[in-house]
Amino acid sequence: MEMHEISAEGEKIEDVEASEPTPEAKTEEEAEPDHYSKLQSPSDDIYSEAYYGGAPMKDKAEKPAEGNTRLYRAVCLLLAVICLILLLVVIVLSLKLQTGSTDCPQLVEDTCSYERCQAFFPSVQTHNPAPQRRCQQCADGWLTFGHSCFFLSTFRLNWNESQRNCSDRGGSLAVINSQSLQQFLTKEGKMQYWIGLRQNSNRWTWVNNTVLQQSYWAGVRSKGDCGVLGSDSPAERNWFTAPCHTYTYFICQLQM
């Protein structure tokens, strides 16, 4: 009897346990579905964000490139204009050189005469009496008149010393053989100068042994055997005499 009751109670207990729902066992994958879903199936939003997020960066990169292109074009245009200007300058210079060569082809050669050199360079002081000589300028400190160079001294010597000084320079005291030269030296001079005129045996001669033909003596002449040009008087009458041993300035003449 007791055994029957115990078994009956056991059956009741089993029925109760059977009637209670048993919790279902969950796997690890089912317990944490969110983590795997994020890793295995990334949402389209991520790709869309990457795509659309990169688009503005591309636009920003294109704008500087477009600005650089415009800058390069401007630089190329500027260089082209400069090259064109240089080309025009070269053409103009070449035409000028060709034109100038017809007047005086080679100034450094002996084929350029004095007259052609003067015509080609009218503002340049030159000297050259021989037609086959080079076109040259007088040395520094010398003046050009005709085919001669003239040196007006800035120190004083007596007549003989002046002639020796001019001879050392390759010339002599000035020989005034024309009215134009007389006027030129009077205009350029500032002092009283020895000239190459001296009296020998009561006859006035130049240092080149030619006899005086045309003179420009002042109204009153002092004693002396050597001629002096006074540039402070009119060119028509500014010669006077002085003792040859006295000291004054002098004019040298160098013929070319």
Protein backbone atom coordinates (compact mmCIF):
# COMPACT_ATOMS: atom_id res chain seq x y z
CA MET A 1 0.00 0.00 0.00
CA GLU A 2 2.72 2.42 0.82
CA MET A 3 4.68 1.49 -2.24
CA HIS A 4 1.65 2.31 -4.34
CA GLU A 5 1.28 5.75 -2.77
CA ILE A 6 4.96 6.54 -3.19
CA SER A 7 4.85 5.62 -6.81
CA ALA A 8 1.74 7.62 -7.25
CA GLU A 9 3.42 10.65 -5.75
CA GLY A 10 6.42 10.08 -7.94
CA GLU A 11 4.24 10.06 -10.96
CA LYS A 12 2.64 13.30 -9.85
CA ILE A 13 6.04 14.87 -9.44
CA GLU A 14 7.09 13.72 -12.91
CA ASP A 15 3.84 15.03 -14.34
CA VAL A 16 4.45 18.42 -12.74
CA GLU A 17 7.99 18.52 -14.04
CA ALA A 18 6.82 17.53 -17.45
CA SER A 19 4.09 20.11 -17.44
CA GLU A 20 6.58 22.95 -16.67
CA PRO A 21 8.20 24.25 -19.80
CA THR A 22 11.90 23.66 -19.97
CA PRO A 23 14.09 26.59 -21.06
CA GLU A 24 15.58 26.17 -24.48
CA ALA A 25 19.33 26.03 -24.70
CA LYS A 26 20.83 28.85 -26.70
CA THR A 27 24.05 28.71 -28.55
CA GLU A 28 26.69 31.40 -28.35
CA GLU A 29 25.79 32.59 -31.81
CA GLU A 30 22.13 33.00 -30.83
CA ALA A 31 23.02 34.65 -27.53
CA GLU A 32 24.99 37.48 -29.18
CA PRO A 33 23.57 37.97 -32.63
CA ASP A 34 24.32 41.72 -32.81
CA HIS A 35 28.12 41.45 -32.85
CA TYR A 36 28.20 38.92 -35.65
CA SER A 37 25.60 40.73 -37.65
CA LYS A 38 27.70 43.84 -37.53
CA LEU A 39 30.81 42.02 -38.67
CA GLN A 40 29.26 39.67 -41.21
CA SER A 41 26.65 41.95 -42.73
CA PRO A 42 27.85 45.56 -42.59
CA SER A 43 25.08 47.91 -43.43
CA ASP A 44 24.91 49.76 -46.70
CA ASP A 45 25.18 52.98 -44.77
CA ILE A 46 28.89 52.43 -44.24
CA TYR A 47 29.56 52.15 -47.99
CA SER A 48 27.32 55.05 -48.70
CA GLU A 49 29.14 57.14 -46.16
CA ALA A 50 32.50 56.18 -47.64
CA TYR A 51 31.32 56.97 -51.17
CA TYR A 52 29.58 60.19 -50.50
CA GLY A 53 32.10 61.20 -47.93
CA GLY A 54 34.90 60.85 -50.49
CA ALA A 55 33.11 62.81 -53.19
CA PRO A 56 33.66 66.27 -51.64
CA MET A 57 37.34 65.48 -51.21
CA LYS A 58 37.57 64.76 -54.94
CA ASP A 59 35.94 68.08 -55.77
CA LYS A 60 38.29 69.91 -53.47
CA ALA A 61 41.28 68.30 -55.18
CA GLU A 62 40.01 69.24 -58.62
CA LYS A 63 39.73 72.96 -57.83
CA PRO A 64 43.47 73.51 -57.13
CA ALA A 65 44.31 71.50 -60.25
CA GLU A 66 42.11 73.77 -62.32
CA GLY A 67 43.80 76.86 -60.78
CA ASN A 68 47.28 75.48 -61.56
CA THR A 69 46.26 74.91 -65.17
CA ARG A 70 45.24 78.52 -65.53
CA LEU A 71 48.51 79.66 -63.98
CA TYR A 72 50.54 77.50 -66.37
CA ARG A 73 48.66 78.91 -69.33
CA ALA A 74 49.30 82.48 -68.17
CA VAL A 75 53.03 81.77 -67.72
CA CYS A 76 53.26 80.18 -71.17
CA LEU A 77 51.53 83.17 -72.73
CA LEU A 78 53.92 85.57 -70.99
CA LEU A 79 56.97 83.62 -72.17
CA ALA A 80 55.63 83.59 -75.71
CA VAL A 81 55.23 87.38 -75.66
CA ILE A 82 58.78 87.85 -74.33
CA CYS A 83 60.20 85.58 -77.03
CA LEU A 84 58.33 87.55 -79.68
CA ILE A 85 59.72 90.84 -78.38
CA LEU A 86 63.28 89.48 -78.34
CA LEU A 87 62.85 88.23 -81.89
CA LEU A 88 61.74 91.67 -83.03
CA VAL A 89 64.74 93.29 -81.29
CA VAL A 90 67.14 90.92 -83.03
CA ILE A 91 65.56 91.65 -86.40
CA VAL A 92 65.76 95.42 -85.88
CA LEU A 93 69.40 95.28 -84.77
CA SER A 94 70.37 93.12 -87.72
CA LEU A 95 68.72 95.56 -90.12
CA LYS A 96 70.54 98.50 -88.52
CA LEU A 97 73.88 96.73 -88.78
CA GLN A 98 73.30 95.95 -92.42
CA THR A 99 72.30 99.56 -93.13
CA GLY A 100 75.30 101.01 -91.29
CA SER A 101 77.75 98.77 -93.09
CA THR A 102 77.04 100.51 -96.41
CA ASP A 103 78.43 103.81 -95.07
CA CYS A 104 81.56 102.57 -93.37
CA PRO A 105 81.89 98.77 -93.68
CA GLN A 106 84.76 98.05 -91.34
CA LEU A 107 85.92 100.91 -89.17
CA VAL A 108 88.79 98.91 -87.74
CA GLU A 109 90.32 98.32 -91.14
CA ASP A 110 92.33 100.68 -93.28
CA THR A 111 89.62 100.88 -95.96
CA CYS A 112 87.64 103.45 -93.91
CA SER A 113 88.73 106.94 -94.97
CA TYR A 114 88.72 109.96 -92.71
CA GLU A 115 85.86 111.61 -94.59
CA ARG A 116 83.67 108.50 -94.43
CA CYS A 117 84.41 108.07 -90.76
CA GLN A 118 83.44 111.68 -90.06
CA ALA A 119 80.22 111.23 -92.02
CA PHE A 120 79.35 108.03 -90.18
CA PHE A 121 80.21 109.42 -86.72
CA PRO A 122 79.71 113.20 -86.96
CA SER A 123 79.64 113.63 -83.17
CA VAL A 124 82.94 111.81 -82.60
CA GLN A 125 86.16 113.79 -82.63
CA THR A 126 88.51 112.01 -85.01
CA HIS A 127 91.75 112.65 -86.76
CA ASN A 128 93.12 111.06 -89.88
CA PRO A 129 94.67 113.05 -92.75
CA ALA A 130 95.63 109.98 -94.78
CA PRO A 131 92.73 108.25 -96.58
CA GLN A 132 94.14 104.80 -95.86
CA ARG A 133 94.63 105.33 -92.11
CA ARG A 134 92.27 104.06 -89.47
CA CYS A 135 89.54 106.19 -87.97
CA GLN A 136 90.90 107.15 -84.56
CA GLN A 137 90.25 109.57 -81.75
CA CYS A 138 92.74 111.95 -80.24
CA ALA A 139 94.22 110.92 -76.93
CA ASP A 140 92.55 111.95 -73.70
CA GLY A 141 93.15 115.62 -72.98
CA TRP A 142 93.71 116.49 -76.67
CA LEU A 143 91.35 118.46 -78.92
CA THR A 144 90.58 117.60 -82.52
CA PHE A 145 90.54 120.14 -85.33
CA GLY A 146 90.77 119.10 -88.95
CA HIS A 147 93.43 116.45 -89.27
CA SER A 148 95.36 117.45 -86.14
CA CYS A 149 95.17 117.04 -82.38
CA PHE A 150 95.92 119.95 -80.06
CA PHE A 151 97.04 119.91 -76.43
CA LEU A 152 96.60 123.04 -74.29
CA SER A 153 98.98 122.74 -71.37
CA THR A 154 98.00 123.31 -67.75
CA PHE A 155 101.55 124.13 -66.64
CA ARG A 156 104.11 126.70 -67.76
CA LEU A 157 107.50 126.34 -69.44
CA ASN A 158 109.76 128.61 -71.48
CA TRP A 159 109.60 128.46 -75.28
CA ASN A 160 112.43 125.93 -75.79
CA GLU A 161 111.16 123.67 -73.01
CA SER A 162 107.66 123.86 -74.44
CA GLN A 163 108.88 122.83 -77.87
CA ARG A 164 110.82 119.94 -76.31
CA ASN A 165 107.74 118.84 -74.34
CA CYS A 166 105.62 118.83 -77.49
CA SER A 167 108.33 116.92 -79.36
CA ASP A 168 108.32 114.25 -76.63
CA ARG A 169 104.57 113.90 -77.21
CA GLY A 170 105.16 113.27 -80.91
CA GLY A 171 104.32 116.78 -82.14
CA SER A 172 105.49 120.37 -81.95
CA LEU A 173 104.28 123.79 -80.88
CA ALA A 174 101.15 124.77 -82.76
CA VAL A 175 101.43 126.11 -86.30
CA ILE A 176 98.47 128.38 -87.06
CA ASN A 177 98.01 128.45 -90.82
CA SER A 178 94.32 129.31 -91.16
CA GLN A 179 91.80 131.74 -89.73
CA SER A 180 89.49 128.91 -88.65
CA LEU A 181 92.27 127.32 -86.59
CA GLN A 182 93.08 130.71 -85.07
CA GLN A 183 89.48 131.13 -83.98
CA PHE A 184 89.30 127.56 -82.66
CA LEU A 185 92.38 127.90 -80.44
CA THR A 186 91.26 131.32 -79.20
CA LYS A 187 87.88 129.90 -78.23
CA GLU A 188 89.30 126.81 -76.50
CA GLY A 189 92.09 128.63 -74.69
CA LYS A 190 91.82 130.26 -71.28
CA MET A 191 95.38 131.53 -70.82
CA GLN A 192 98.33 132.90 -72.78
CA TYR A 193 100.13 130.20 -74.77
CA TRP A 194 103.38 129.78 -76.60
CA ILE A 195 102.84 128.93 -80.28
CA GLY A 196 105.38 127.60 -82.76
CA LEU A 197 106.37 131.04 -84.02
CA ARG A 198 109.85 132.53 -83.53
CA GLN A 199 111.90 135.36 -85.02
CA ASN A 200 115.18 134.50 -86.69
CA SER A 201 117.22 137.20 -88.44
CA ASN A 202 114.30 139.61 -88.34
CA ARG A 203 112.04 137.08 -90.02
CA TRP A 204 109.21 135.21 -88.33
CA THR A 205 109.09 131.52 -89.10
CA TRP A 206 107.21 128.54 -87.77
CA VAL A 207 108.79 125.49 -86.19
CA ASN A 208 108.23 123.59 -89.44
CA ASN A 209 110.52 126.14 -91.16
CA THR A 210 107.71 127.79 -93.12
CA VAL A 211 107.65 131.59 -93.29
CA LEU A 212 104.81 133.45 -91.59
CA GLN A 213 102.22 134.48 -94.15
CA GLN A 214 99.06 135.45 -92.29
CA SER A 215 99.40 137.03 -88.83
CA TYR A 216 97.10 138.15 -86.03
CA TRP A 217 99.36 140.57 -84.15
CA ALA A 218 97.92 142.85 -81.50
CA GLY A 219 98.18 146.62 -81.99
CA VAL A 220 101.13 147.00 -79.62
CA ARG A 221 103.94 144.45 -79.51
CA SER A 222 106.41 144.12 -76.66
CA LYS A 223 110.03 143.07 -76.98
CA GLY A 224 110.76 139.43 -77.57
CA ASP A 225 111.54 136.89 -80.26
CA CYS A 226 108.84 134.27 -79.54
CA GLY A 227 105.13 134.40 -80.35
CA VAL A 228 102.34 134.14 -77.78
CA LEU A 229 98.60 133.67 -78.37
CA GLY A 230 96.43 135.56 -75.87
CA SER A 231 93.03 133.85 -75.75
CA ASP A 232 91.48 136.65 -73.70
CA SER A 233 91.55 139.00 -76.73
CA PRO A 234 89.61 138.87 -80.04
CA ALA A 235 90.89 136.24 -82.43
CA GLU A 236 91.66 138.85 -85.10
CA ARG A 237 94.36 140.51 -82.96
CA ASN A 238 95.62 138.48 -80.03
CA TRP A 239 99.26 137.65 -80.91
CA PHE A 240 102.07 139.37 -79.10
CA THR A 241 105.77 138.79 -78.56
CA ALA A 242 107.63 137.84 -75.39
CA PRO A 243 111.20 136.90 -74.44
CA CYS A 244 111.71 133.21 -75.18
CA HIS A 245 113.14 132.51 -71.70
CA THR A 246 109.94 133.57 -69.90
CA TYR A 247 107.46 131.01 -68.66
CA THR A 248 103.89 130.61 -69.84
CA TYR A 249 101.49 127.93 -71.03
CA PHE A 250 101.86 126.37 -74.48
CA ILE A 251 99.88 124.61 -77.26
CA CYS A 252 101.13 121.38 -78.81
CA GLN A 253 100.00 120.15 -82.22
CA LEU A 254 100.09 116.55 -83.41
CA GLN A 255 99.32 115.85 -87.07
CA MET A 256 97.90 112.48 -87.99
